[in-house]
């Protein structure tokens, strides 16, 4: 297991990413002053995003249905815990963007190579109502994929 987003497990059998990009921001308010530089005040943490680009090769490793599963998870609008295979907990994230590019096709139109980029954005952990649940999401995922 490389990482888990909720109950979705990233790995060679599902979807393996090639890079892990993490961006963190901090907010500082600014107030203009006459004859001096603007005054700054720390307002707290800003957005934290994780971007996972990768390549899916269905003939060799991975499953095209994994992308569909992530889309169904995103459609719920719920937040999911993000945990690395080493046990490191990154927090609670929503799926903000998923893009894919399909190339090198078989005769039936199925792609041999699918490049994807998944963008996750961290949400406030105190909002438990945003968390995706296994029971509700699993049914949605099965209905969306099958």
Protein backbone atom coordinates (compact mmCIF):
# COMPACT_ATOMS: atom_id res chain seq x y z
CA UNK A 1 0.00 0.00 0.00
CA UNK A 2 1.35 3.38 -1.01
CA UNK A 3 -1.40 5.48 0.55
CA UNK A 4 -5.09 5.33 1.45
CA UNK A 5 -7.70 8.02 0.81
CA UNK A 6 -10.64 6.90 2.92
CA UNK A 7 -11.10 3.27 1.93
CA UNK A 8 -9.45 3.72 -1.49
CA UNK A 9 -5.95 2.20 -1.45
CA UNK A 10 -3.30 3.46 -3.87
CA UNK A 11 -1.00 0.69 -5.09
CA UNK A 12 0.15 -1.32 -8.07
CA UNK A 13 -3.13 -3.22 -8.34
CA UNK A 14 -5.34 -0.11 -8.19
CA UNK A 15 -3.65 3.19 -9.02
CA UNK A 16 0.01 4.03 -8.41
CA UNK A 17 1.18 7.63 -8.45
CA UNK A 18 4.70 8.59 -9.57
CA UNK A 19 5.04 11.84 -7.61
CA UNK A 20 3.79 13.30 -4.36
CA UNK A 21 3.55 17.10 -4.42
CA UNK A 22 2.51 18.95 -1.26
CA UNK A 23 1.87 22.70 -1.12
CA UNK A 24 1.27 24.56 2.16
CA UNK A 25 0.32 28.23 2.61
CA UNK A 26 -0.01 30.60 5.57
CA UNK A 27 -2.18 33.70 5.66
CA UNK A 28 -0.85 37.11 6.65
CA UNK A 29 -3.22 40.10 6.63
CA UNK A 30 -1.88 43.43 5.50
CA UNK A 31 -2.83 46.96 6.57
CA UNK A 32 -1.46 49.98 4.75
CA UNK A 33 0.37 52.64 6.79
CA UNK A 34 1.42 56.16 5.83
CA UNK A 35 5.18 56.52 5.50
CA UNK A 36 5.92 52.92 6.51
CA UNK A 37 5.69 49.43 5.15
CA UNK A 38 2.33 47.73 5.52
CA UNK A 39 1.67 46.15 8.92
CA UNK A 40 1.29 42.38 8.79
CA UNK A 41 -0.61 40.05 11.07
CA UNK A 42 -0.53 36.27 11.00
CA UNK A 43 -4.07 34.99 10.41
CA UNK A 44 -3.44 31.26 10.48
CA UNK A 45 -2.83 28.42 8.07
CA UNK A 46 -4.02 28.70 4.49
CA UNK A 47 -4.76 26.02 1.94
CA UNK A 48 -2.84 22.80 1.91
CA UNK A 49 -3.01 20.77 -1.28
CA UNK A 50 -1.55 17.46 -2.37
CA UNK A 51 -1.15 16.62 -6.04
CA UNK A 52 -0.61 13.04 -7.15
CA UNK A 53 0.37 12.69 -10.84
CA UNK A 54 0.90 9.25 -12.28
CA UNK A 55 0.59 6.85 -15.17
CA UNK A 56 -1.84 3.93 -15.33
CA UNK A 57 -0.91 1.04 -17.64
CA UNK A 58 -3.91 -1.33 -17.47
CA UNK A 59 -2.04 -4.15 -19.27
CA UNK A 60 0.75 -4.16 -16.70
CA UNK A 61 -0.48 -2.62 -13.45
CA UNK A 62 -3.49 -0.77 -12.17
CA UNK A 63 -7.16 -0.73 -12.96
CA UNK A 64 -9.18 1.75 -15.02
CA UNK A 65 -12.07 1.36 -12.56
CA UNK A 66 -9.90 3.03 -9.93
CA UNK A 67 -10.33 6.38 -11.69
CA UNK A 68 -14.10 5.84 -11.76
CA UNK A 69 -14.06 5.02 -8.05
CA UNK A 70 -12.25 8.28 -7.27
CA UNK A 71 -14.77 10.22 -9.37
CA UNK A 72 -17.66 8.67 -7.46
CA UNK A 73 -15.94 9.52 -4.16
CA UNK A 74 -15.54 13.12 -5.37
CA UNK A 75 -19.21 13.25 -6.41
CA UNK A 76 -20.25 12.63 -2.81
CA UNK A 77 -18.64 15.92 -1.77
CA UNK A 78 -17.33 14.23 1.35
CA UNK A 79 -13.89 14.51 2.93
CA UNK A 80 -11.61 11.51 3.35
CA UNK A 81 -8.69 10.75 5.64
CA UNK A 82 -5.33 10.54 3.88
CA UNK A 83 -2.86 8.08 5.37
CA UNK A 84 0.51 7.08 3.94
CA UNK A 85 1.52 3.41 3.83
CA UNK A 86 4.19 4.18 6.45
CA UNK A 87 1.42 5.19 8.87
CA UNK A 88 1.86 8.96 8.52
CA UNK A 89 -1.49 10.76 8.78
CA UNK A 90 -1.79 13.83 6.55
CA UNK A 91 -5.29 14.88 7.61
CA UNK A 92 -8.73 15.10 6.06
CA UNK A 93 -8.94 15.94 2.35
CA UNK A 94 -11.54 16.49 -0.35
CA UNK A 95 -11.01 15.51 -3.96
CA UNK A 96 -10.87 18.81 -5.78
CA UNK A 97 -9.74 17.78 -9.25
CA UNK A 98 -9.05 14.63 -11.26
CA UNK A 99 -7.77 14.82 -14.82
CA UNK A 100 -6.73 12.06 -17.19
CA UNK A 101 -5.17 11.80 -20.63
CA UNK A 102 -5.59 8.57 -22.58
CA UNK A 103 -3.12 7.55 -25.30
CA UNK A 104 -2.00 4.47 -27.25
CA UNK A 105 -5.29 2.74 -27.95
CA UNK A 106 -6.31 -0.84 -28.66
CA UNK A 107 -8.62 -1.63 -31.59
CA UNK A 108 -11.66 -1.49 -29.30
CA UNK A 109 -10.78 2.05 -28.14
CA UNK A 110 -9.43 1.07 -24.72
CA UNK A 111 -6.34 3.02 -23.73
CA UNK A 112 -3.01 1.32 -23.11
CA UNK A 113 -1.67 4.36 -21.23
CA UNK A 114 -3.59 6.76 -18.99
CA UNK A 115 -1.84 9.71 -17.40
CA UNK A 116 -3.71 11.15 -14.42
CA UNK A 117 -3.42 13.95 -11.92
CA UNK A 118 -5.36 13.93 -8.64
CA UNK A 119 -5.58 17.13 -6.60
CA UNK A 120 -6.60 16.93 -2.94
CA UNK A 121 -7.30 19.89 -0.64
CA UNK A 122 -7.19 19.71 3.15
CA UNK A 123 -10.32 20.69 5.06
CA UNK A 124 -10.98 21.61 8.68
CA UNK A 125 -10.66 18.48 10.82
CA UNK A 126 -13.26 19.75 13.28
CA UNK A 127 -15.99 19.35 10.64
CA UNK A 128 -16.83 15.70 11.31
CA UNK A 129 -20.02 16.07 9.26
CA UNK A 130 -17.86 16.32 6.11
CA UNK A 131 -16.30 12.90 6.57
CA UNK A 132 -17.22 10.25 4.07
CA UNK A 133 -18.61 7.08 5.56
CA UNK A 134 -17.86 3.60 4.39
CA UNK A 135 -21.47 2.47 4.27
CA UNK A 136 -22.91 5.35 2.25
CA UNK A 137 -19.96 5.81 -0.05
CA UNK A 138 -19.47 2.12 -0.73
CA UNK A 139 -23.00 1.84 -2.08
CA UNK A 140 -22.50 4.96 -4.21
CA UNK A 141 -19.18 3.66 -5.51
CA UNK A 142 -20.63 0.26 -6.42
CA UNK A 143 -23.62 1.86 -8.16
CA UNK A 144 -21.35 4.28 -10.06
CA UNK A 145 -18.75 1.74 -11.12
CA UNK A 146 -20.92 -1.24 -11.94
